[in-house]
Amino acid sequence: MAFNLLLVEDDEEIREIITDYFTEKSNGTFIVNAAKDGEEGLQKLYSDDYDLVLLDVMLPELDGFTLCRELRKSSDVPIIFLTAREAENDRLFGYQLGCDDYVTKPFSLAELYAKTNALLKRAKGMVRHEIMKAGSITLDPYRYTVFVNDEEVMLAPKEFAILKILMDHPGKVVSRETLLVRIWGYDFEGNERVVDNHVKKLRKALGSASSQIKTVFKKGYKLEVNE
């Protein structure tokens, strides 16, 4: 079984070393597609399906954080960040955006390969077009559709993204800050009230299922599975 990997890295030498090592080590099981910057990486993500993404943080055009945020709006593909940043806050921010693991430069190729293998094994049983269901709400992240009790509900992109993140963490509190960063970006200059406004619109659109979205005082929101 072959795995389709996307490597987004602006350093040509690193791209070639990783590609050659992964191809040889896996005996051709890993098919590595490479992109030299964030824009090219985004185009490749839109044009093909990948089993895992190796993503440099410091990229020209679109940085790795921005690319990760865009990808997480529509896909749960495993992501490993390749970064020269060692600050704990940077790593935490990456995890908050939805990455699965970090490798700090300079890194061991054997370590990167092992982490890639482990993530692929964990994700191997996942269905790419998985339908998400919580109570009376059904969401298809790839067809971009939402149903409440078998009746389709039309959501604006921001409301859809909020619902998707809440459904990714059923019964768990998702902070306003997390929603703000994941959807609007870490450089957004507004405040957390914008999240509350869009949750209000989401509840209105969900109608009878609106009560599944609970406000947790001074924390954020959570989606109840059983209503």
C-alpha atoms as a PDB file:
ATOM      1  CA  MET A   1       0.000   0.000   0.000  1.00  0.00           C
ATOM      2  CA  ALA A   2       1.453   3.359  -1.060  1.00  0.00           C
ATOM      3  CA  PHE A   3       1.125   6.586   0.923  1.00  0.00           C
ATOM      4  CA  ASN A   4       0.926   9.986  -0.732  1.00  0.00           C
ATOM      5  CA  LEU A   5       2.901  12.582   1.258  1.00  0.00           C
ATOM      6  CA  LEU A   6       3.152  16.328   0.711  1.00  0.00           C
ATOM      7  CA  LEU A   7       6.387  18.070   1.740  1.00  0.00           C
ATOM      8  CA  VAL A   8       6.190  21.876   1.886  1.00  0.00           C
ATOM      9  CA  GLU A   9       9.719  23.204   2.414  1.00  0.00           C
ATOM     10  CA  ASP A  10      11.488  26.214   0.864  1.00  0.00           C
ATOM     11  CA  ASP A  11      15.024  24.828   1.295  1.00  0.00           C
ATOM     12  CA  GLU A  12      15.812  22.853  -1.866  1.00  0.00           C
ATOM     13  CA  GLU A  13      18.513  20.755  -0.220  1.00  0.00           C
ATOM     14  CA  ILE A  14      16.215  19.705   2.639  1.00  0.00           C
ATOM     15  CA  ARG A  15      13.456  18.851   0.142  1.00  0.00           C
ATOM     16  CA  GLU A  16      15.796  16.588  -1.808  1.00  0.00           C
ATOM     17  CA  ILE A  17      17.283  14.909   1.280  1.00  0.00           C
ATOM     18  CA  ILE A  18      13.865  14.111   2.796  1.00  0.00           C
ATOM     19  CA  THR A  19      12.448  12.932  -0.536  1.00  0.00           C
ATOM     20  CA  ASP A  20      15.409  10.643  -1.246  1.00  0.00           C
ATOM     21  CA  TYR A  21      15.539   9.235   2.294  1.00  0.00           C
ATOM     22  CA  PHE A  22      11.793   8.534   2.523  1.00  0.00           C
ATOM     23  CA  THR A  23      11.663   6.987  -0.942  1.00  0.00           C
ATOM     24  CA  GLU A  24      14.632   4.692  -0.307  1.00  0.00           C
ATOM     25  CA  LYS A  25      13.739   3.825   3.305  1.00  0.00           C
ATOM     26  CA  SER A  26      10.145   2.899   2.419  1.00  0.00           C
ATOM     27  CA  ASN A  27      11.104   1.014  -0.768  1.00  0.00           C
ATOM     28  CA  GLY A  28       8.807   3.309  -2.717  1.00  0.00           C
ATOM     29  CA  THR A  29       5.860   2.961  -0.316  1.00  0.00           C
ATOM     30  CA  PHE A  30       6.095   6.688   0.476  1.00  0.00           C
ATOM     31  CA  ILE A  31       5.415   8.847  -2.572  1.00  0.00           C
ATOM     32  CA  VAL A  32       6.717  12.327  -1.708  1.00  0.00           C
ATOM     33  CA  ASN A  33       5.314  15.353  -3.540  1.00  0.00           C
ATOM     34  CA  ALA A  34       7.228  18.555  -2.838  1.00  0.00           C
ATOM     35  CA  ALA A  35       6.263  22.238  -2.826  1.00  0.00           C
ATOM     36  CA  LYS A  36       8.743  25.095  -2.447  1.00  0.00           C
ATOM     37  CA  ASP A  37       6.445  27.618  -0.749  1.00  0.00           C
ATOM     38  CA  GLY A  38       3.068  28.022   0.919  1.00  0.00           C
ATOM     39  CA  GLU A  39       1.189  29.064  -2.206  1.00  0.00           C
ATOM     40  CA  GLU A  40       2.365  26.027  -4.172  1.00  0.00           C
ATOM     41  CA  GLY A  41       1.620  23.835  -1.162  1.00  0.00           C
ATOM     42  CA  LEU A  42      -1.945  25.144  -0.964  1.00  0.00           C
ATOM     43  CA  GLN A  43      -2.473  24.509  -4.687  1.00  0.00           C
ATOM     44  CA  LYS A  44      -1.251  20.928  -4.332  1.00  0.00           C
ATOM     45  CA  LEU A  45      -3.513  20.364  -1.329  1.00  0.00           C
ATOM     46  CA  TYR A  46      -6.504  21.511  -3.363  1.00  0.00           C
ATOM     47  CA  SER A  47      -5.592  19.397  -6.387  1.00  0.00           C
ATOM     48  CA  ASP A  48      -4.830  16.026  -4.754  1.00  0.00           C
ATOM     49  CA  ASP A  49      -5.467  13.890  -1.663  1.00  0.00           C
ATOM     50  CA  TYR A  50      -2.622  13.274   0.785  1.00  0.00           C
ATOM     51  CA  ASP A  51      -2.131  10.814   3.631  1.00  0.00           C
ATOM     52  CA  LEU A  52       0.216  13.127   5.562  1.00  0.00           C
ATOM     53  CA  VAL A  53       1.728  16.605   5.275  1.00  0.00           C
ATOM     54  CA  LEU A  54       5.262  17.611   6.292  1.00  0.00           C
ATOM     55  CA  LEU A  55       5.065  21.365   6.720  1.00  0.00           C
ATOM     56  CA  ASP A  56       7.829  23.899   7.307  1.00  0.00           C
ATOM     57  CA  VAL A  57       6.753  26.816   9.513  1.00  0.00           C
ATOM     58  CA  MET A  58       8.893  29.582   7.987  1.00  0.00           C
ATOM     59  CA  LEU A  59       7.752  29.673   4.364  1.00  0.00           C
ATOM     60  CA  PRO A  60       7.616  32.426   1.753  1.00  0.00           C
ATOM     61  CA  GLU A  61       4.200  33.526   0.455  1.00  0.00           C
ATOM     62  CA  LEU A  62       2.062  31.660   3.042  1.00  0.00           C
ATOM     63  CA  ASP A  63       3.709  30.550   6.288  1.00  0.00           C
ATOM     64  CA  GLY A  64       3.166  27.090   7.720  1.00  0.00           C
ATOM     65  CA  PHE A  65       0.794  28.269  10.456  1.00  0.00           C
ATOM     66  CA  THR A  66      -1.513  29.910   7.908  1.00  0.00           C
ATOM     67  CA  LEU A  67      -1.385  26.858   5.651  1.00  0.00           C
ATOM     68  CA  CYS A  68      -2.200  24.560   8.578  1.00  0.00           C
ATOM     69  CA  ARG A  69      -5.168  26.719   9.553  1.00  0.00           C
ATOM     70  CA  GLU A  70      -6.545  26.665   6.006  1.00  0.00           C
ATOM     71  CA  LEU A  71      -6.080  22.907   5.741  1.00  0.00           C
ATOM     72  CA  ARG A  72      -7.826  22.257   9.050  1.00  0.00           C
ATOM     73  CA  LYS A  73     -10.982  23.958   7.786  1.00  0.00           C
ATOM     74  CA  SER A  74     -11.653  20.980   5.524  1.00  0.00           C
ATOM     75  CA  SER A  75      -9.305  18.117   6.364  1.00  0.00           C
ATOM     76  CA  ASP A  76      -8.023  16.033   9.279  1.00  0.00           C
ATOM     77  CA  VAL A  77      -4.948  14.815   7.389  1.00  0.00           C
ATOM     78  CA  PRO A  78      -1.993  14.309   9.802  1.00  0.00           C
ATOM     79  CA  ILE A  79       0.417  17.258   9.863  1.00  0.00           C
ATOM     80  CA  ILE A  80       4.013  17.328  11.122  1.00  0.00           C
ATOM     81  CA  PHE A  81       5.636  20.752  11.464  1.00  0.00           C
ATOM     82  CA  LEU A  82       9.294  21.136  10.507  1.00  0.00           C
ATOM     83  CA  THR A  83      10.589  24.175  12.361  1.00  0.00           C
ATOM     84  CA  ALA A  84      13.681  25.981  13.562  1.00  0.00           C
ATOM     85  CA  ARG A  85      11.582  27.563  16.307  1.00  0.00           C
ATOM     86  CA  GLU A  86      12.176  26.071  19.730  1.00  0.00           C
ATOM     87  CA  ALA A  87       9.974  28.347  21.862  1.00  0.00           C
ATOM     88  CA  GLU A  88       7.293  26.459  23.777  1.00  0.00           C
ATOM     89  CA  ASN A  89       4.671  29.032  22.771  1.00  0.00           C
ATOM     90  CA  ASP A  90       5.315  28.334  19.084  1.00  0.00           C
ATOM     91  CA  ARG A  91       4.852  24.602  19.608  1.00  0.00           C
ATOM     92  CA  LEU A  92       1.685  25.126  21.634  1.00  0.00           C
ATOM     93  CA  PHE A  93       0.354  27.465  18.955  1.00  0.00           C
ATOM     94  CA  GLY A  94       0.983  24.819  16.304  1.00  0.00           C
ATOM     95  CA  TYR A  95      -0.892  22.199  18.305  1.00  0.00           C
ATOM     96  CA  GLN A  96      -3.707  24.676  18.861  1.00  0.00           C
ATOM     97  CA  LEU A  97      -3.994  25.126  15.099  1.00  0.00           C
ATOM     98  CA  GLY A  98      -4.305  21.383  14.681  1.00  0.00           C
ATOM     99  CA  CYS A  99      -0.876  19.951  13.892  1.00  0.00           C
ATOM    100  CA  ASP A 100      -0.148  16.414  15.108  1.00  0.00           C
ATOM    101  CA  ASP A 101       3.573  16.591  15.826  1.00  0.00           C
ATOM    102  CA  TYR A 102       6.693  18.775  15.692  1.00  0.00           C
ATOM    103  CA  VAL A 103      10.255  18.137  14.563  1.00  0.00           C
ATOM    104  CA  THR A 104      12.797  20.865  15.334  1.00  0.00           C
ATOM    105  CA  LYS A 105      15.629  21.635  12.899  1.00  0.00           C
ATOM    106  CA  PRO A 106      18.252  20.332  12.669  1.00  0.00           C
ATOM    107  CA  PHE A 107      16.445  17.011  12.937  1.00  0.00           C
ATOM    108  CA  SER A 108      17.310  13.364  12.486  1.00  0.00           C
ATOM    109  CA  LEU A 109      15.907  11.876   9.282  1.00  0.00           C
ATOM    110  CA  ALA A 110      15.368   8.618  11.143  1.00  0.00           C
ATOM    111  CA  GLU A 111      13.302  10.440  13.790  1.00  0.00           C
ATOM    112  CA  LEU A 112      11.212  12.234  11.160  1.00  0.00           C
ATOM    113  CA  TYR A 113      10.631   8.963   9.320  1.00  0.00           C
ATOM    114  CA  ALA A 114       9.629   7.209  12.549  1.00  0.00           C
ATOM    115  CA  LYS A 115       7.170   9.966  13.491  1.00  0.00           C
ATOM    116  CA  THR A 116       5.692   9.873   9.986  1.00  0.00           C
ATOM    117  CA  ASN A 117       5.304   6.098  10.142  1.00  0.00           C
ATOM    118  CA  ALA A 118       3.643   6.255  13.566  1.00  0.00           C
ATOM    119  CA  LEU A 119       1.145   8.914  12.486  1.00  0.00           C
ATOM    120  CA  LEU A 120       0.261   7.031   9.312  1.00  0.00           C
ATOM    121  CA  LYS A 121      -0.354   3.840  11.269  1.00  0.00           C
ATOM    122  CA  ARG A 122      -2.706   5.678  13.651  1.00  0.00           C
ATOM    123  CA  ALA A 123      -4.561   7.294  10.762  1.00  0.00           C
ATOM    124  CA  LYS A 124      -4.652   4.187   8.564  1.00  0.00           C
ATOM    125  CA  GLY A 125      -8.077   3.091   9.795  1.00  0.00           C
ATOM    126  CA  MET A 126      -9.680   6.484   9.301  1.00  0.00           C
ATOM    127  CA  VAL A 127     -12.233   6.957   6.521  1.00  0.00           C
ATOM    128  CA  ARG A 128     -11.300   9.963   4.430  1.00  0.00           C
ATOM    129  CA  HIS A 129     -14.947  10.983   3.814  1.00  0.00           C
ATOM    130  CA  GLU A 130     -16.107  10.407   7.358  1.00  0.00           C
ATOM    131  CA  ILE A 131     -19.576  11.680   8.200  1.00  0.00           C
ATOM    132  CA  MET A 132     -19.677  13.403  11.592  1.00  0.00           C
ATOM    133  CA  LYS A 133     -22.748  13.007  13.807  1.00  0.00           C
ATOM    134  CA  ALA A 134     -23.677  14.503  17.184  1.00  0.00           C
ATOM    135  CA  GLY A 135     -27.223  14.190  18.457  1.00  0.00           C
ATOM    136  CA  SER A 136     -29.537  15.424  15.728  1.00  0.00           C
ATOM    137  CA  ILE A 137     -26.718  17.163  13.808  1.00  0.00           C
ATOM    138  CA  THR A 138     -24.943  15.490  10.884  1.00  0.00           C
ATOM    139  CA  LEU A 139     -21.977  17.162   9.143  1.00  0.00           C
ATOM    140  CA  ASP A 140     -20.085  16.092   6.041  1.00  0.00           C
ATOM    141  CA  PRO A 141     -16.778  18.032   6.083  1.00  0.00           C
ATOM    142  CA  TYR A 142     -15.942  17.177   2.466  1.00  0.00           C
ATOM    143  CA  ARG A 143     -19.299  17.856   0.845  1.00  0.00           C
ATOM    144  CA  TYR A 144     -19.700  20.903   3.084  1.00  0.00           C
ATOM    145  CA  THR A 145     -23.217  19.953   4.161  1.00  0.00           C
ATOM    146  CA  VAL A 146     -25.044  20.035   7.504  1.00  0.00           C
ATOM    147  CA  PHE A 147     -28.320  18.311   8.365  1.00  0.00           C
ATOM    148  CA  VAL A 148     -30.556  18.583  11.424  1.00  0.00           C
ATOM    149  CA  ASN A 149     -32.931  15.635  11.692  1.00  0.00           C
ATOM    150  CA  ASP A 150     -32.365  14.867   7.985  1.00  0.00           C
ATOM    151  CA  GLU A 151     -33.214  18.434   6.936  1.00  0.00           C
ATOM    152  CA  GLU A 152     -30.353  20.347   5.315  1.00  0.00           C
ATOM    153  CA  VAL A 153     -29.190  23.531   7.024  1.00  0.00           C
ATOM    154  CA  MET A 154     -27.341  26.221   5.091  1.00  0.00           C
ATOM    155  CA  LEU A 155     -24.400  27.703   7.005  1.00  0.00           C
ATOM    156  CA  ALA A 156     -22.015  30.539   6.181  1.00  0.00           C
ATOM    157  CA  PRO A 157     -18.315  29.527   6.092  1.00  0.00           C
ATOM    158  CA  LYS A 158     -17.482  30.873   9.569  1.00  0.00           C
ATOM    159  CA  GLU A 159     -20.480  29.146  11.199  1.00  0.00           C
ATOM    160  CA  PHE A 160     -19.636  25.900   9.397  1.00  0.00           C
ATOM    161  CA  ALA A 161     -16.029  26.109  10.630  1.00  0.00           C
ATOM    162  CA  ILE A 162     -17.154  26.693  14.231  1.00  0.00           C
ATOM    163  CA  LEU A 163     -19.539  23.738  14.110  1.00  0.00           C
ATOM    164  CA  LYS A 164     -16.858  21.503  12.566  1.00  0.00           C
ATOM    165  CA  ILE A 165     -14.385  22.319  15.352  1.00  0.00           C
ATOM    166  CA  LEU A 166     -17.003  21.723  18.051  1.00  0.00           C
ATOM    167  CA  MET A 167     -17.928  18.392  16.451  1.00  0.00           C
ATOM    168  CA  ASP A 168     -14.241  17.448  16.403  1.00  0.00           C
ATOM    169  CA  HIS A 169     -14.339  17.711  20.212  1.00  0.00           C
ATOM    170  CA  PRO A 170     -17.784  16.416  21.262  1.00  0.00           C
ATOM    171  CA  GLY A 171     -18.647  17.109  24.884  1.00  0.00           C
ATOM    172  CA  LYS A 172     -15.411  19.044  25.432  1.00  0.00           C
ATOM    173  CA  VAL A 173     -14.991  22.762  25.999  1.00  0.00           C
ATOM    174  CA  VAL A 174     -13.423  24.676  23.099  1.00  0.00           C
ATOM    175  CA  SER A 175     -12.193  28.097  24.157  1.00  0.00           C
ATOM    176  CA  ARG A 176     -13.066  31.287  22.330  1.00  0.00           C
ATOM    177  CA  GLU A 177      -9.350  31.856  21.805  1.00  0.00           C
ATOM    178  CA  THR A 178      -8.979  28.492  20.072  1.00  0.00           C
ATOM    179  CA  LEU A 179     -11.896  29.233  17.751  1.00  0.00           C
ATOM    180  CA  LEU A 180     -10.529  32.695  17.044  1.00  0.00           C
ATOM    181  CA  VAL A 181      -7.065  31.404  16.146  1.00  0.00           C
ATOM    182  CA  ARG A 182      -8.260  28.396  14.148  1.00  0.00           C
ATOM    183  CA  ILE A 183     -10.760  30.363  12.051  1.00  0.00           C
ATOM    184  CA  TRP A 184      -9.693  34.023  11.983  1.00  0.00           C
ATOM    185  CA  GLY A 185      -5.951  33.558  12.451  1.00  0.00           C
ATOM    186  CA  TYR A 186      -3.435  34.474  15.133  1.00  0.00           C
ATOM    187  CA  ASP A 187      -2.936  37.959  13.638  1.00  0.00           C
ATOM    188  CA  PHE A 188      -6.648  38.867  13.794  1.00  0.00           C
ATOM    189  CA  GLU A 189      -6.984  42.324  15.361  1.00  0.00           C
ATOM    190  CA  GLY A 190     -10.561  41.949  16.640  1.00  0.00           C
ATOM    191  CA  ASN A 191     -11.657  40.475  19.965  1.00  0.00           C
ATOM    192  CA  GLU A 192     -13.391  37.310  21.118  1.00  0.00           C
ATOM    193  CA  ARG A 193     -16.827  38.904  20.844  1.00  0.00           C
ATOM    194  CA  VAL A 194     -16.748  38.093  17.132  1.00  0.00           C
ATOM    195  CA  VAL A 195     -16.850  34.405  18.092  1.00  0.00           C
ATOM    196  CA  ASP A 196     -19.945  34.959  20.246  1.00  0.00           C
ATOM    197  CA  ASN A 197     -21.696  36.739  17.377  1.00  0.00           C
ATOM    198  CA  HIS A 198     -21.077  33.884  14.960  1.00  0.00           C
ATOM    199  CA  VAL A 199     -22.114  31.263  17.520  1.00  0.00           C
ATOM    200  CA  LYS A 200     -25.375  33.197  17.889  1.00  0.00           C
ATOM    201  CA  LYS A 201     -25.892  32.970  14.105  1.00  0.00           C
ATOM    202  CA  LEU A 202     -24.984  29.273  14.171  1.00  0.00           C
ATOM    203  CA  ARG A 203     -27.546  28.544  16.862  1.00  0.00           C
ATOM    204  CA  LYS A 204     -30.222  30.373  14.918  1.00  0.00           C
ATOM    205  CA  ALA A 205     -29.447  28.359  11.783  1.00  0.00           C
ATOM    206  CA  LEU A 206     -29.499  25.032  13.668  1.00  0.00           C
ATOM    207  CA  GLY A 207     -33.028  25.650  14.915  1.00  0.00           C
ATOM    208  CA  SER A 208     -34.185  22.760  17.098  1.00  0.00           C
ATOM    209  CA  ALA A 209     -30.589  21.558  17.513  1.00  0.00           C
ATOM    210  CA  SER A 210     -29.341  24.911  18.789  1.00  0.00           C
ATOM    211  CA  SER A 211     -29.572  23.758  22.414  1.00  0.00           C
ATOM    212  CA  GLN A 212     -26.771  21.250  21.748  1.00  0.00           C
ATOM    213  CA  ILE A 213     -24.295  24.146  21.746  1.00  0.00           C
ATOM    214  CA  LYS A 214     -23.654  25.018  25.379  1.00  0.00           C
ATOM    215  CA  THR A 215     -21.971  28.171  26.662  1.00  0.00           C
ATOM    216  CA  VAL A 216     -19.410  27.464  29.379  1.00  0.00           C
ATOM    217  CA  PHE A 217     -19.039  30.608  31.483  1.00  0.00           C
ATOM    218  CA  LYS A 218     -15.647  32.326  31.027  1.00  0.00           C
ATOM    219  CA  LYS A 219     -14.399  29.267  29.102  1.00  0.00           C
ATOM    220  CA  GLY A 220     -15.972  28.921  25.681  1.00  0.00           C
ATOM    221  CA  TYR A 221     -18.407  26.488  24.079  1.00  0.00           C
ATOM    222  CA  LYS A 222     -19.039  22.777  23.895  1.00  0.00           C
ATOM    223  CA  LEU A 223     -21.271  20.559  21.778  1.00  0.00           C
ATOM    224  CA  GLU A 224     -23.477  18.109  23.616  1.00  0.00           C
ATOM    225  CA  VAL A 225     -23.826  14.792  21.796  1.00  0.00           C
ATOM    226  CA  ASN A 226     -27.061  13.648  23.449  1.00  0.00           C
ATOM    227  CA  GLU A 227     -29.963  16.079  23.498  1.00  0.00           C
END
